[in-house]
């Protein structure tokens, strides 16, 4: 017998209202199982009044939508594929919902195919979280986003990003306070940013403090630390220079603020910031051609002072 299309069925309805009721009786819970097609555009399963393209209505344990593929007809990588969408979670929550691959009914009923792992997302309105699960077996929770938008990887977050375990980053971490660190190998006695040759560049993560003991570049070199900060008011930020080797010079917006020769000056460094962006530059020479040492304590980034670049 040839297949019958929805349009052919609705055209055959004598009342002309383009509604086709369909019923298969009751399920094991005694709830009528029915579908209704309205205006050839809305399908209701368990409801006679579908309000969306596909409207599934059920109880706590029977509201699940599943897509199923037989796969390659085997197991493992050749096994079936399933994608499930559920509202309410039997044996877990009433208000939770989710979507996942190889999930049997809800996350607490295991896997459809035991030869493969599973991955899924749970949406929990009761505590405002999203939870992500993935694994080769019954999946453990790998990540969550809490009601404040904080992200926890392997842990319930106590900060905007909370990671349990090692963190590896390839490239710069954008937005974290850092100096741009430049190395001039053409001159070991630069005393100004003017004419500085940026032979090499790195990122030196810091809120303002610098503690280095550099073995020096063959033939001598000069280091320059550079950071742009934004101040929301006129203010003075003070750091403490404990020691340096060799000469160190401090520049604000291109103007020399102070210079100290090698030794242990133990001096206060005052940055007189104006409203808006302020360019901080610190130049450390190497006249002796040996080690370069700088011990500078205190944060530049502070209340009212934010990192720009």
Foldseek 3Di string as FASTA:
>chain_A
DDDDDLVNVQVPDVVNQSKDKDFDAADPVRQTFIWIQGPVQDIETSDPDGPHSYHYDDAQQPFKDKDKDQAQVDADNRGIKMKMWGAHAPPPGGGKIKIWIQDDSHLVVFGPGQRAWMWMWMQDPVFGKIWIFTDRGSTDTQWMQGNVRAIEGVDDDPDNYHYDDDDDDDDDDPFQAWWWKFKAPVDQDDDFPVPGDRPDIDIGGDLPWDWDKAFADAVHIKMKTKFKKAFQAFDKFKKWWQFWPAKKWKDKPRHTDDIDGHDGPRDIDIDGDHHTMIMIMMMWGHVVRGITTTGMDDGPDDVRMGTDD
